[in-house]
Amino acid sequence: MKSAIWISYDFGVRGDYEGFYTWLDEHDAVECGDSLAYLKYEFSDDLIEALKGDIKESIDITKKTRIYVIWSDNKTKKMKGRFIFGTRKSPPWSGYAVSESEFEDEEI
């Protein structure tokens, strides 16, 4: 089975970009902006497990490796997304919006 997926990636400064770029090239991925690629991925059973295993064989995974995948679920026909390596972190835009404070500053 084939599924269209988008992959967002962040490996930090010393990550295995060369290994991942090789993997993307082997899968005919299309560049979609900084650290984002689109490709049609072929798998047999579970998309996420197949993708995770395939990538793990191709690159060095470190504690800074972050890979997020977005795909259309064939069963529900809904878009899904999840980290297959790493986790979410505070966004760079955090704190830019003006919000009202619900507490008063006290003089010390």
C-alpha atoms as a PDB file:
ATOM      1  CA  MET A   1       0.000   0.000   0.000  1.00  0.00           C
ATOM      2  CA  LYS A   2       1.163   3.590  -0.630  1.00  0.00           C
ATOM      3  CA  SER A   3       0.401   6.638   1.431  1.00  0.00           C
ATOM      4  CA  ALA A   4       1.168  10.313   0.853  1.00  0.00           C
ATOM      5  CA  ILE A   5       3.041  11.770   3.828  1.00  0.00           C
ATOM      6  CA  TRP A   6       4.704  14.986   4.893  1.00  0.00           C
ATOM      7  CA  ILE A   7       7.781  14.793   7.099  1.00  0.00           C
ATOM      8  CA  SER A   8       9.068  17.643   9.224  1.00  0.00           C
ATOM      9  CA  TYR A   9      12.550  17.115  10.635  1.00  0.00           C
ATOM     10  CA  ASP A  10      14.979  18.755  13.049  1.00  0.00           C
ATOM     11  CA  PHE A  11      18.258  17.092  14.036  1.00  0.00           C
ATOM     12  CA  GLY A  12      19.994  19.950  15.809  1.00  0.00           C
ATOM     13  CA  VAL A  13      23.407  21.235  14.742  1.00  0.00           C
ATOM     14  CA  ARG A  14      25.240  17.907  14.560  1.00  0.00           C
ATOM     15  CA  GLY A  15      22.425  15.658  13.359  1.00  0.00           C
ATOM     16  CA  ASP A  16      22.611  13.093  10.565  1.00  0.00           C
ATOM     17  CA  TYR A  17      21.280  15.337   7.807  1.00  0.00           C
ATOM     18  CA  GLU A  18      23.348  13.539   5.156  1.00  0.00           C
ATOM     19  CA  GLY A  19      21.832  10.176   6.063  1.00  0.00           C
ATOM     20  CA  PHE A  20      18.310  11.609   6.106  1.00  0.00           C
ATOM     21  CA  TYR A  21      18.799  13.493   2.829  1.00  0.00           C
ATOM     22  CA  THR A  22      19.955  10.219   1.266  1.00  0.00           C
ATOM     23  CA  TRP A  23      16.816   8.512   2.601  1.00  0.00           C
ATOM     24  CA  LEU A  24      14.602  11.308   1.236  1.00  0.00           C
ATOM     25  CA  ASP A  25      16.304  11.144  -2.161  1.00  0.00           C
ATOM     26  CA  GLU A  26      15.875   7.358  -2.312  1.00  0.00           C
ATOM     27  CA  HIS A  27      12.138   7.866  -1.725  1.00  0.00           C
ATOM     28  CA  ASP A  28      11.793  10.634  -4.359  1.00  0.00           C
ATOM     29  CA  ALA A  29      10.756  13.193  -1.744  1.00  0.00           C
ATOM     30  CA  VAL A  30       9.787  16.707  -2.783  1.00  0.00           C
ATOM     31  CA  GLU A  31      11.109  19.723  -0.855  1.00  0.00           C
ATOM     32  CA  CYS A  32       8.316  21.787   0.744  1.00  0.00           C
ATOM     33  CA  GLY A  33      10.233  24.497   2.617  1.00  0.00           C
ATOM     34  CA  ASP A  34      12.777  24.465   5.416  1.00  0.00           C
ATOM     35  CA  SER A  35      12.878  21.002   7.000  1.00  0.00           C
ATOM     36  CA  LEU A  36       9.678  19.777   5.337  1.00  0.00           C
ATOM     37  CA  ALA A  37       9.312  17.110   2.652  1.00  0.00           C
ATOM     38  CA  TYR A  38       6.481  15.320   0.852  1.00  0.00           C
ATOM     39  CA  LEU A  39       6.628  11.770  -0.484  1.00  0.00           C
ATOM     40  CA  LYS A  40       4.562   8.714  -1.274  1.00  0.00           C
ATOM     41  CA  TYR A  41       5.664   5.964   1.090  1.00  0.00           C
ATOM     42  CA  GLU A  42       5.099   2.290   0.362  1.00  0.00           C
ATOM     43  CA  PHE A  43       4.447  -0.028   3.295  1.00  0.00           C
ATOM     44  CA  SER A  44       2.750  -3.351   3.990  1.00  0.00           C
ATOM     45  CA  ASP A  45       1.169  -3.297   7.462  1.00  0.00           C
ATOM     46  CA  ASP A  46       1.398  -0.303   9.814  1.00  0.00           C
ATOM     47  CA  LEU A  47       2.526   2.963   8.202  1.00  0.00           C
ATOM     48  CA  ILE A  48       4.068   4.557  11.290  1.00  0.00           C
ATOM     49  CA  GLU A  49       5.923   1.441  12.455  1.00  0.00           C
ATOM     50  CA  ALA A  50       7.229   0.749   8.931  1.00  0.00           C
ATOM     51  CA  LEU A  51       8.351   4.355   8.502  1.00  0.00           C
ATOM     52  CA  LYS A  52       9.979   4.490  11.923  1.00  0.00           C
ATOM     53  CA  GLY A  53      11.910   1.255  11.320  1.00  0.00           C
ATOM     54  CA  ASP A  54      12.975   2.304   7.826  1.00  0.00           C
ATOM     55  CA  ILE A  55      14.300   5.677   8.983  1.00  0.00           C
ATOM     56  CA  LYS A  56      15.982   4.165  12.061  1.00  0.00           C
ATOM     57  CA  GLU A  57      17.978   1.841   9.763  1.00  0.00           C
ATOM     58  CA  SER A  58      19.112   4.781   7.625  1.00  0.00           C
ATOM     59  CA  ILE A  59      20.138   7.504  10.068  1.00  0.00           C
ATOM     60  CA  ASP A  60      21.763   7.952  13.468  1.00  0.00           C
ATOM     61  CA  ILE A  61      19.013   8.772  15.967  1.00  0.00           C
ATOM     62  CA  THR A  62      20.098  10.964  18.895  1.00  0.00           C
ATOM     63  CA  LYS A  63      18.212  12.570  21.766  1.00  0.00           C
ATOM     64  CA  LYS A  64      17.932  15.734  19.634  1.00  0.00           C
ATOM     65  CA  THR A  65      16.372  13.970  16.630  1.00  0.00           C
ATOM     66  CA  ARG A  66      12.842  15.209  15.978  1.00  0.00           C
ATOM     67  CA  ILE A  67      10.765  13.841  13.119  1.00  0.00           C
ATOM     68  CA  TYR A  68       7.051  14.628  12.774  1.00  0.00           C
ATOM     69  CA  VAL A  69       4.878  12.859  10.206  1.00  0.00           C
ATOM     70  CA  ILE A  70       1.541  14.005   8.780  1.00  0.00           C
ATOM     71  CA  TRP A  71      -0.612  11.538   6.824  1.00  0.00           C
ATOM     72  CA  SER A  72      -4.158  10.746   5.796  1.00  0.00           C
ATOM     73  CA  ASP A  73      -5.514   7.752   7.710  1.00  0.00           C
ATOM     74  CA  ASN A  74      -6.877   5.246   5.187  1.00  0.00           C
ATOM     75  CA  LYS A  75      -9.536   3.963   7.603  1.00  0.00           C
ATOM     76  CA  THR A  76     -10.930   7.240   8.962  1.00  0.00           C
ATOM     77  CA  LYS A  77     -10.008   9.449   5.962  1.00  0.00           C
ATOM     78  CA  LYS A  78      -8.828  12.075   8.459  1.00  0.00           C
ATOM     79  CA  MET A  79      -5.461  13.812   8.605  1.00  0.00           C
ATOM     80  CA  LYS A  80      -3.229  12.688  11.448  1.00  0.00           C
ATOM     81  CA  GLY A  81       0.150  13.754  12.746  1.00  0.00           C
ATOM     82  CA  ARG A  82       2.625  12.569  15.356  1.00  0.00           C
ATOM     83  CA  PHE A  83       6.257  12.550  16.330  1.00  0.00           C
ATOM     84  CA  ILE A  84       7.949   9.290  15.393  1.00  0.00           C
ATOM     85  CA  PHE A  85      11.184  10.495  17.018  1.00  0.00           C
ATOM     86  CA  GLY A  86      11.468  13.218  19.651  1.00  0.00           C
ATOM     87  CA  THR A  87       8.763  15.352  21.204  1.00  0.00           C
ATOM     88  CA  ARG A  88       7.135  18.748  20.992  1.00  0.00           C
ATOM     89  CA  LYS A  89       9.030  21.723  22.459  1.00  0.00           C
ATOM     90  CA  SER A  90       8.134  25.324  23.270  1.00  0.00           C
ATOM     91  CA  PRO A  91       7.442  27.236  20.061  1.00  0.00           C
ATOM     92  CA  PRO A  92       9.601  30.235  19.140  1.00  0.00           C
ATOM     93  CA  TRP A  93       6.458  32.413  18.976  1.00  0.00           C
ATOM     94  CA  SER A  94       5.535  31.720  22.612  1.00  0.00           C
ATOM     95  CA  GLY A  95       5.040  34.991  24.494  1.00  0.00           C
ATOM     96  CA  TYR A  96       4.504  37.237  21.461  1.00  0.00           C
ATOM     97  CA  ALA A  97       0.744  37.637  21.900  1.00  0.00           C
ATOM     98  CA  VAL A  98      -0.418  40.254  24.375  1.00  0.00           C
ATOM     99  CA  SER A  99      -2.541  38.770  27.118  1.00  0.00           C
ATOM    100  CA  GLU A 100      -4.189  40.305  30.134  1.00  0.00           C
ATOM    101  CA  SER A 101      -2.668  39.473  33.464  1.00  0.00           C
ATOM    102  CA  GLU A 102      -5.038  38.159  36.113  1.00  0.00           C
ATOM    103  CA  PHE A 103      -2.792  38.959  39.061  1.00  0.00           C
ATOM    104  CA  GLU A 104      -1.451  42.135  40.606  1.00  0.00           C
ATOM    105  CA  ASP A 105       2.209  42.792  41.208  1.00  0.00           C
ATOM    106  CA  GLU A 106       2.969  43.491  44.846  1.00  0.00           C
ATOM    107  CA  GLU A 107       5.705  45.745  46.092  1.00  0.00           C
ATOM    108  CA  ILE A 108       8.286  44.003  48.171  1.00  0.00           C
END
